[in-house]
Amino acid sequence: MFVTVETAARTAPAAVIVAIDGPAGTGKSSTSKAVAATLGLGYLDTGAQYRAITWWMLTNGIDVQDATAVADAAAKPVIVSGTDPAAPTISVDGVDAAGPIRSQEVTAAVSAVSAVPEVRARITELQRTIASEAPRGIVVEGRDIGITVLPDADLKVFLTASAEARAARRNGELKGKEAGNLAATREALMKRDAADSSRQTSPLAKADDAVEVDTTDLTLEQVIECVVTLIEGAVAEKAGRVAR
């Protein structure tokens, strides 16, 4: 059973911070937005921020394979993320970037840009600021949230799924020329996983205290209900600590 916004407001002793990590195609975005909307929390897609800075680099002629050039430019773009789960937004230097950051060009370059320590430091600081200022709490989704960005989150969830399921989901998200065949999509996901998991700075990894949820055979509604239930438990535990 879903928690209503009113129930969440009554029971939460303080803003609750939820970290949802996992590779692409596991349902992170859909789950996180729906959970945040259900509980009246903010929502932050951290991957969109890395895509935004990557898009800025490409648009401004920065060689994304040149780590030094990327590092030197990391502080230049102004990235603003709206945290309304019903209508999340992201802009770069005042320009709406929600569409452009989802292109295949950005997808192919984002791992290289994200691996640069100066980029991760810049974006991590931005993410922590947004989370700390969320008045009623926030659901933050990404790849290194539970381990690096918000290690003290009230709840950490790590979503997984089979490579085949992930490829099918991701392929279904792509439109027109951006859509490819399943084999190509699966290969791209595996390449991204390898890059994200092996980078020296904040690699993709499951936090020791994270709850792992395999979404392969679950409907989106089932995943949402599972995470909402986990948050209910985290809120109750937090309330108990405050009461003591």
C-alpha atoms as a PDB file:
ATOM      1  CA  MET A   1       0.000   0.000   0.000  1.00  0.00           C
ATOM      2  CA  PHE A   2       1.333   3.426  -0.947  1.00  0.00           C
ATOM      3  CA  VAL A   3       1.968   6.079   1.676  1.00  0.00           C
ATOM      4  CA  THR A   4       0.065   9.285   1.031  1.00  0.00           C
ATOM      5  CA  VAL A   5       1.717  12.676   1.104  1.00  0.00           C
ATOM      6  CA  GLU A   6      -0.318  13.529   4.208  1.00  0.00           C
ATOM      7  CA  THR A   7       0.792  10.357   6.012  1.00  0.00           C
ATOM      8  CA  ALA A   8       4.422  11.009   5.124  1.00  0.00           C
ATOM      9  CA  ALA A   9       4.160  14.546   6.485  1.00  0.00           C
ATOM     10  CA  ARG A  10       2.705  13.307   9.765  1.00  0.00           C
ATOM     11  CA  THR A  11       5.123  10.457  10.358  1.00  0.00           C
ATOM     12  CA  ALA A  12       8.470  11.798   9.142  1.00  0.00           C
ATOM     13  CA  PRO A  13      10.422  13.200  12.132  1.00  0.00           C
ATOM     14  CA  ALA A  14      12.716  15.078   9.786  1.00  0.00           C
ATOM     15  CA  ALA A  15      13.620  15.232   6.122  1.00  0.00           C
ATOM     16  CA  VAL A  16      14.366  11.725   4.872  1.00  0.00           C
ATOM     17  CA  ILE A  17      17.167  11.223   2.363  1.00  0.00           C
ATOM     18  CA  VAL A  18      16.986   8.187   0.085  1.00  0.00           C
ATOM     19  CA  ALA A  19      19.847   7.066  -2.175  1.00  0.00           C
ATOM     20  CA  ILE A  20      18.953   4.854  -5.145  1.00  0.00           C
ATOM     21  CA  ASP A  21      21.880   3.478  -7.137  1.00  0.00           C
ATOM     22  CA  GLY A  22      22.346   0.986  -9.925  1.00  0.00           C
ATOM     23  CA  PRO A  23      23.344   0.645 -13.572  1.00  0.00           C
ATOM     24  CA  ALA A  24      21.292   1.974 -16.490  1.00  0.00           C
ATOM     25  CA  GLY A  25      18.099   0.156 -17.395  1.00  0.00           C
ATOM     26  CA  THR A  26      17.231  -1.074 -13.913  1.00  0.00           C
ATOM     27  CA  GLY A  27      14.330   1.334 -13.502  1.00  0.00           C
ATOM     28  CA  LYS A  28      16.075   3.908 -11.308  1.00  0.00           C
ATOM     29  CA  SER A  29      14.528   7.005 -12.833  1.00  0.00           C
ATOM     30  CA  SER A  30      10.956   5.751 -13.138  1.00  0.00           C
ATOM     31  CA  THR A  31      11.052   4.250  -9.665  1.00  0.00           C
ATOM     32  CA  SER A  32      12.683   7.255  -8.020  1.00  0.00           C
ATOM     33  CA  LYS A  33      10.297   9.785  -9.542  1.00  0.00           C
ATOM     34  CA  ALA A  34       7.218   7.752  -8.654  1.00  0.00           C
ATOM     35  CA  VAL A  35       8.398   7.090  -5.099  1.00  0.00           C
ATOM     36  CA  ALA A  36       9.231  10.756  -4.549  1.00  0.00           C
ATOM     37  CA  ALA A  37       5.846  11.827  -5.896  1.00  0.00           C
ATOM     38  CA  THR A  38       4.039   9.276  -3.723  1.00  0.00           C
ATOM     39  CA  LEU A  39       5.776  10.425  -0.550  1.00  0.00           C
ATOM     40  CA  GLY A  40       5.871  14.137  -1.271  1.00  0.00           C
ATOM     41  CA  LEU A  41       9.672  14.213  -1.516  1.00  0.00           C
ATOM     42  CA  GLY A  42      12.019  15.965  -3.879  1.00  0.00           C
ATOM     43  CA  TYR A  43      13.706  14.054  -6.706  1.00  0.00           C
ATOM     44  CA  LEU A  44      17.187  14.401  -8.169  1.00  0.00           C
ATOM     45  CA  ASP A  45      18.537  12.606 -11.233  1.00  0.00           C
ATOM     46  CA  THR A  46      22.294  12.912 -10.725  1.00  0.00           C
ATOM     47  CA  GLY A  47      23.009  11.217 -14.029  1.00  0.00           C
ATOM     48  CA  ALA A  48      21.293  14.113 -15.779  1.00  0.00           C
ATOM     49  CA  GLN A  49      23.790  16.472 -14.171  1.00  0.00           C
ATOM     50  CA  TYR A  50      26.730  14.499 -15.559  1.00  0.00           C
ATOM     51  CA  ARG A  51      25.029  14.398 -18.916  1.00  0.00           C
ATOM     52  CA  ALA A  52      24.476  18.146 -18.703  1.00  0.00           C
ATOM     53  CA  ILE A  53      28.116  18.945 -18.098  1.00  0.00           C
ATOM     54  CA  THR A  54      29.077  16.497 -20.859  1.00  0.00           C
ATOM     55  CA  TRP A  55      26.679  18.203 -23.258  1.00  0.00           C
ATOM     56  CA  TRP A  56      28.194  21.565 -22.335  1.00  0.00           C
ATOM     57  CA  MET A  57      31.696  20.233 -23.034  1.00  0.00           C
ATOM     58  CA  LEU A  58      30.673  18.913 -26.452  1.00  0.00           C
ATOM     59  CA  THR A  59      28.759  22.069 -27.331  1.00  0.00           C
ATOM     60  CA  ASN A  60      31.697  24.273 -26.383  1.00  0.00           C
ATOM     61  CA  GLY A  61      34.294  22.296 -28.309  1.00  0.00           C
ATOM     62  CA  ILE A  62      36.052  20.721 -25.339  1.00  0.00           C
ATOM     63  CA  ASP A  63      37.845  17.470 -26.225  1.00  0.00           C
ATOM     64  CA  VAL A  64      36.092  15.065 -23.868  1.00  0.00           C
ATOM     65  CA  GLN A  65      38.960  12.588 -24.207  1.00  0.00           C
ATOM     66  CA  ASP A  66      41.394  15.202 -22.873  1.00  0.00           C
ATOM     67  CA  ALA A  67      41.047  14.906 -19.096  1.00  0.00           C
ATOM     68  CA  THR A  68      43.087  18.054 -18.504  1.00  0.00           C
ATOM     69  CA  ALA A  69      40.881  20.139 -20.783  1.00  0.00           C
ATOM     70  CA  VAL A  70      37.744  18.742 -19.160  1.00  0.00           C
ATOM     71  CA  ALA A  71      39.136  19.430 -15.679  1.00  0.00           C
ATOM     72  CA  ASP A  72      40.000  23.014 -16.597  1.00  0.00           C
ATOM     73  CA  ALA A  73      36.460  23.651 -17.830  1.00  0.00           C
ATOM     74  CA  ALA A  74      34.580  21.770 -15.097  1.00  0.00           C
ATOM     75  CA  ALA A  75      33.720  24.857 -13.058  1.00  0.00           C
ATOM     76  CA  LYS A  76      32.444  26.946 -15.968  1.00  0.00           C
ATOM     77  CA  PRO A  77      28.893  25.756 -16.730  1.00  0.00           C
ATOM     78  CA  VAL A  78      26.051  26.759 -14.420  1.00  0.00           C
ATOM     79  CA  ILE A  79      23.868  23.686 -13.880  1.00  0.00           C
ATOM     80  CA  VAL A  80      20.465  24.030 -12.235  1.00  0.00           C
ATOM     81  CA  SER A  81      18.292  21.019 -11.371  1.00  0.00           C
ATOM     82  CA  GLY A  82      14.595  21.277 -10.555  1.00  0.00           C
ATOM     83  CA  THR A  83      13.554  18.648  -8.001  1.00  0.00           C
ATOM     84  CA  ASP A  84       9.805  18.368  -8.581  1.00  0.00           C
ATOM     85  CA  PRO A  85       9.292  14.651  -9.353  1.00  0.00           C
ATOM     86  CA  ALA A  86       6.257  15.464 -11.486  1.00  0.00           C
ATOM     87  CA  ALA A  87       8.298  17.757 -13.722  1.00  0.00           C
ATOM     88  CA  PRO A  88      12.058  17.503 -13.100  1.00  0.00           C
ATOM     89  CA  THR A  89      14.085  20.043 -15.034  1.00  0.00           C
ATOM     90  CA  ILE A  90      17.713  20.705 -15.826  1.00  0.00           C
ATOM     91  CA  SER A  91      19.304  23.720 -17.427  1.00  0.00           C
ATOM     92  CA  VAL A  92      22.840  24.706 -18.345  1.00  0.00           C
ATOM     93  CA  ASP A  93      23.723  28.392 -18.416  1.00  0.00           C
ATOM     94  CA  GLY A  94      20.005  29.141 -18.457  1.00  0.00           C
ATOM     95  CA  VAL A  95      19.262  26.853 -21.423  1.00  0.00           C
ATOM     96  CA  ASP A  96      16.844  23.924 -21.076  1.00  0.00           C
ATOM     97  CA  ALA A  97      19.002  20.829 -21.571  1.00  0.00           C
ATOM     98  CA  ALA A  98      16.497  18.075 -20.816  1.00  0.00           C
ATOM     99  CA  GLY A  99      16.289  16.965 -24.446  1.00  0.00           C
ATOM    100  CA  PRO A 100      19.859  17.390 -25.727  1.00  0.00           C
ATOM    101  CA  ILE A 101      21.473  15.517 -22.831  1.00  0.00           C
ATOM    102  CA  ARG A 102      19.746  12.273 -23.884  1.00  0.00           C
ATOM    103  CA  SER A 103      21.409  12.084 -27.302  1.00  0.00           C
ATOM    104  CA  GLN A 104      23.636   9.167 -28.296  1.00  0.00           C
ATOM    105  CA  GLU A 105      26.557  11.588 -28.614  1.00  0.00           C
ATOM    106  CA  VAL A 106      26.252  12.534 -24.960  1.00  0.00           C
ATOM    107  CA  THR A 107      25.690   8.911 -23.945  1.00  0.00           C
ATOM    108  CA  ALA A 108      28.919   7.904 -25.673  1.00  0.00           C
ATOM    109  CA  ALA A 109      30.939  10.657 -23.977  1.00  0.00           C
ATOM    110  CA  VAL A 110      29.488  10.867 -20.475  1.00  0.00           C
ATOM    111  CA  SER A 111      31.642   8.111 -18.943  1.00  0.00           C
ATOM    112  CA  ALA A 112      34.859   9.834 -19.997  1.00  0.00           C
ATOM    113  CA  VAL A 113      33.733  13.179 -18.625  1.00  0.00           C
ATOM    114  CA  SER A 114      32.333  11.653 -15.428  1.00  0.00           C
ATOM    115  CA  ALA A 115      35.636   9.928 -14.706  1.00  0.00           C
ATOM    116  CA  VAL A 116      37.498  13.239 -14.357  1.00  0.00           C
ATOM    117  CA  PRO A 117      37.982  13.946 -10.607  1.00  0.00           C
ATOM    118  CA  GLU A 118      37.365  17.684 -10.966  1.00  0.00           C
ATOM    119  CA  VAL A 119      34.021  17.000 -12.637  1.00  0.00           C
ATOM    120  CA  ARG A 120      32.964  14.562  -9.938  1.00  0.00           C
ATOM    121  CA  ALA A 121      34.013  16.974  -7.183  1.00  0.00           C
ATOM    122  CA  ARG A 122      32.001  19.786  -8.789  1.00  0.00           C
ATOM    123  CA  ILE A 123      28.877  17.714  -9.344  1.00  0.00           C
ATOM    124  CA  THR A 124      29.097  15.938  -5.966  1.00  0.00           C
ATOM    125  CA  GLU A 125      29.184  19.280  -4.168  1.00  0.00           C
ATOM    126  CA  LEU A 126      26.131  20.401  -6.142  1.00  0.00           C
ATOM    127  CA  GLN A 127      24.264  17.189  -5.300  1.00  0.00           C
ATOM    128  CA  ARG A 128      25.016  17.423  -1.585  1.00  0.00           C
ATOM    129  CA  THR A 129      23.821  21.021  -1.503  1.00  0.00           C
ATOM    130  CA  ILE A 130      20.544  20.131  -3.209  1.00  0.00           C
ATOM    131  CA  ALA A 131      19.963  17.186  -0.841  1.00  0.00           C
ATOM    132  CA  SER A 132      20.739  19.219   2.270  1.00  0.00           C
ATOM    133  CA  GLU A 133      18.319  21.966   1.237  1.00  0.00           C
ATOM    134  CA  ALA A 134      15.378  19.668   0.431  1.00  0.00           C
ATOM    135  CA  PRO A 135      12.748  20.797   2.976  1.00  0.00           C
ATOM    136  CA  ARG A 136      10.862  17.522   3.283  1.00  0.00           C
ATOM    137  CA  GLY A 137      13.511  15.117   2.060  1.00  0.00           C
ATOM    138  CA  ILE A 138      14.594  13.833  -1.312  1.00  0.00           C
ATOM    139  CA  VAL A 139      15.121  10.731  -3.416  1.00  0.00           C
ATOM    140  CA  VAL A 140      18.506  10.925  -5.121  1.00  0.00           C
ATOM    141  CA  GLU A 141      19.288   8.465  -7.894  1.00  0.00           C
ATOM    142  CA  GLY A 142      22.593   7.742  -9.570  1.00  0.00           C
ATOM    143  CA  ARG A 143      25.605   5.453  -9.504  1.00  0.00           C
ATOM    144  CA  ASP A 144      27.653   6.530  -6.488  1.00  0.00           C
ATOM    145  CA  ILE A 145      25.094   8.121  -4.183  1.00  0.00           C
ATOM    146  CA  GLY A 146      25.134   5.627  -1.317  1.00  0.00           C
ATOM    147  CA  ILE A 147      28.911   5.283  -1.264  1.00  0.00           C
ATOM    148  CA  THR A 148      30.257   8.731  -2.132  1.00  0.00           C
ATOM    149  CA  VAL A 149      27.668  11.480  -2.392  1.00  0.00           C
ATOM    150  CA  LEU A 150      25.354  10.698   0.540  1.00  0.00           C
ATOM    151  CA  PRO A 151      27.009   7.975   2.646  1.00  0.00           C
ATOM    152  CA  ASP A 152      24.771   8.900   5.607  1.00  0.00           C
ATOM    153  CA  ALA A 153      21.493   8.587   3.674  1.00  0.00           C
ATOM    154  CA  ASP A 154      18.576   7.282   5.728  1.00  0.00           C
ATOM    155  CA  LEU A 155      18.022   4.516   3.174  1.00  0.00           C
ATOM    156  CA  LYS A 156      20.184   3.131   0.399  1.00  0.00           C
ATOM    157  CA  VAL A 157      18.712   1.006  -2.373  1.00  0.00           C
ATOM    158  CA  PHE A 158      20.693  -0.683  -5.159  1.00  0.00           C
ATOM    159  CA  LEU A 159      18.616  -1.737  -8.165  1.00  0.00           C
ATOM    160  CA  THR A 160      19.805  -4.525 -10.459  1.00  0.00           C
ATOM    161  CA  ALA A 161      18.391  -6.397 -13.470  1.00  0.00           C
ATOM    162  CA  SER A 162      19.592  -8.841 -16.094  1.00  0.00           C
ATOM    163  CA  ALA A 163      21.484  -7.428 -19.074  1.00  0.00           C
ATOM    164  CA  GLU A 164      18.704  -8.550 -21.408  1.00  0.00           C
ATOM    165  CA  ALA A 165      15.979  -6.823 -19.396  1.00  0.00           C
ATOM    166  CA  ARG A 166      18.002  -3.652 -19.110  1.00  0.00           C
ATOM    167  CA  ALA A 167      18.707  -3.548 -22.850  1.00  0.00           C
ATOM    168  CA  ALA A 168      15.033  -4.019 -23.678  1.00  0.00           C
ATOM    169  CA  ARG A 169      14.012  -1.222 -21.324  1.00  0.00           C
ATOM    170  CA  ARG A 170      16.644   1.200 -22.554  1.00  0.00           C
ATOM    171  CA  ASN A 171      15.883   0.453 -26.194  1.00  0.00           C
ATOM    172  CA  GLY A 172      12.230   1.192 -25.503  1.00  0.00           C
ATOM    173  CA  GLU A 173      13.193   4.632 -24.153  1.00  0.00           C
ATOM    174  CA  LEU A 174      15.028   5.645 -27.329  1.00  0.00           C
ATOM    175  CA  LYS A 175      13.133   7.214 -30.216  1.00  0.00           C
ATOM    176  CA  GLY A 176      13.653   7.488 -33.962  1.00  0.00           C
ATOM    177  CA  LYS A 177      17.263   7.509 -35.064  1.00  0.00           C
ATOM    178  CA  GLU A 178      18.457   7.114 -31.481  1.00  0.00           C
ATOM    179  CA  ALA A 179      16.868   3.668 -31.200  1.00  0.00           C
ATOM    180  CA  GLY A 180      19.040   0.693 -32.036  1.00  0.00           C
ATOM    181  CA  ASN A 181      18.733  -3.063 -31.970  1.00  0.00           C
ATOM    182  CA  LEU A 182      18.801  -4.953 -28.686  1.00  0.00           C
ATOM    183  CA  ALA A 183      22.270  -6.374 -29.246  1.00  0.00           C
ATOM    184  CA  ALA A 184      23.754  -2.938 -29.842  1.00  0.00           C
ATOM    185  CA  THR A 185      21.948  -1.473 -26.868  1.00  0.00           C
ATOM    186  CA  ARG A 186      23.112  -4.318 -24.636  1.00  0.00           C
ATOM    187  CA  GLU A 187      26.699  -3.851 -25.798  1.00  0.00           C
ATOM    188  CA  ALA A 188      26.520  -0.118 -25.074  1.00  0.00           C
ATOM    189  CA  LEU A 189      25.191  -0.795 -21.580  1.00  0.00           C
ATOM    190  CA  MET A 190      27.936  -3.307 -20.847  1.00  0.00           C
ATOM    191  CA  LYS A 191      30.558  -0.843 -22.043  1.00  0.00           C
ATOM    192  CA  ARG A 192      29.096   1.872 -19.808  1.00  0.00           C
ATOM    193  CA  ASP A 193      28.992  -0.523 -16.837  1.00  0.00           C
ATOM    194  CA  ALA A 194      32.641  -1.439 -17.306  1.00  0.00           C
ATOM    195  CA  ALA A 195      33.691   2.199 -17.529  1.00  0.00           C
ATOM    196  CA  ASP A 196      31.638   3.257 -14.512  1.00  0.00           C
ATOM    197  CA  SER A 197      32.710   0.314 -12.347  1.00  0.00           C
ATOM    198  CA  SER A 198      36.420   0.608 -13.098  1.00  0.00           C
ATOM    199  CA  ARG A 199      36.962   4.352 -12.812  1.00  0.00           C
ATOM    200  CA  GLN A 200      39.242   5.369  -9.960  1.00  0.00           C
ATOM    201  CA  THR A 201      37.026   8.175  -8.685  1.00  0.00           C
ATOM    202  CA  SER A 202      33.640   7.146  -7.223  1.00  0.00           C
ATOM    203  CA  PRO A 203      33.062   3.937  -9.197  1.00  0.00           C
ATOM    204  CA  LEU A 204      29.641   2.353  -9.598  1.00  0.00           C
ATOM    205  CA  ALA A 205      29.305   0.033  -6.617  1.00  0.00           C
ATOM    206  CA  LYS A 206      26.777  -1.173  -4.077  1.00  0.00           C
ATOM    207  CA  ALA A 207      27.156   0.250  -0.571  1.00  0.00           C
ATOM    208  CA  ASP A 208      27.585  -2.383   2.144  1.00  0.00           C
ATOM    209  CA  ASP A 209      24.414  -1.210   3.891  1.00  0.00           C
ATOM    210  CA  ALA A 210      22.307  -0.887   0.740  1.00  0.00           C
ATOM    211  CA  VAL A 211      19.237  -3.039   0.108  1.00  0.00           C
ATOM    212  CA  GLU A 212      19.549  -4.789  -3.264  1.00  0.00           C
ATOM    213  CA  VAL A 213      16.393  -5.124  -5.355  1.00  0.00           C
ATOM    214  CA  ASP A 214      16.474  -7.227  -8.552  1.00  0.00           C
ATOM    215  CA  THR A 215      13.914  -5.685 -10.906  1.00  0.00           C
ATOM    216  CA  THR A 216      14.272  -8.217 -13.746  1.00  0.00           C
ATOM    217  CA  ASP A 217      10.949  -9.953 -13.165  1.00  0.00           C
ATOM    218  CA  LEU A 218       9.126  -7.158 -11.363  1.00  0.00           C
ATOM    219  CA  THR A 219       6.685  -4.655 -12.801  1.00  0.00           C
ATOM    220  CA  LEU A 220       7.389  -0.992 -12.232  1.00  0.00           C
ATOM    221  CA  GLU A 221       4.484  -0.858  -9.797  1.00  0.00           C
ATOM    222  CA  GLN A 222       5.977  -3.707  -7.770  1.00  0.00           C
ATOM    223  CA  VAL A 223       9.364  -2.016  -7.600  1.00  0.00           C
ATOM    224  CA  ILE A 224       7.763   1.256  -6.513  1.00  0.00           C
ATOM    225  CA  GLU A 225       5.763  -0.477  -3.791  1.00  0.00           C
ATOM    226  CA  CYS A 226       8.877  -2.296  -2.579  1.00  0.00           C
ATOM    227  CA  VAL A 227      10.893   0.919  -2.281  1.00  0.00           C
ATOM    228  CA  VAL A 228       8.022   2.811  -0.621  1.00  0.00           C
ATOM    229  CA  THR A 229       7.818   0.024   1.971  1.00  0.00           C
ATOM    230  CA  LEU A 230      11.567   0.253   2.576  1.00  0.00           C
ATOM    231  CA  ILE A 231      11.277   4.013   3.084  1.00  0.00           C
ATOM    232  CA  GLU A 232       8.411   3.520   5.532  1.00  0.00           C
ATOM    233  CA  GLY A 233      10.717   1.287   7.537  1.00  0.00           C
ATOM    234  CA  ALA A 234      13.554   3.805   7.391  1.00  0.00           C
ATOM    235  CA  VAL A 235      11.238   6.627   8.499  1.00  0.00           C
ATOM    236  CA  ALA A 236       9.932   4.536  11.398  1.00  0.00           C
ATOM    237  CA  GLU A 237      13.465   3.653  12.471  1.00  0.00           C
ATOM    238  CA  LYS A 238      14.529   7.287  12.284  1.00  0.00           C
ATOM    239  CA  ALA A 239      11.519   8.308  14.369  1.00  0.00           C
ATOM    240  CA  GLY A 240      12.461   5.720  16.964  1.00  0.00           C
ATOM    241  CA  ARG A 241      16.006   7.066  17.206  1.00  0.00           C
ATOM    242  CA  VAL A 242      14.716  10.620  17.626  1.00  0.00           C
ATOM    243  CA  ALA A 243      12.253   9.488  20.334  1.00  0.00           C
ATOM    244  CA  ARG A 244      15.015   7.781  22.282  1.00  0.00           C
END
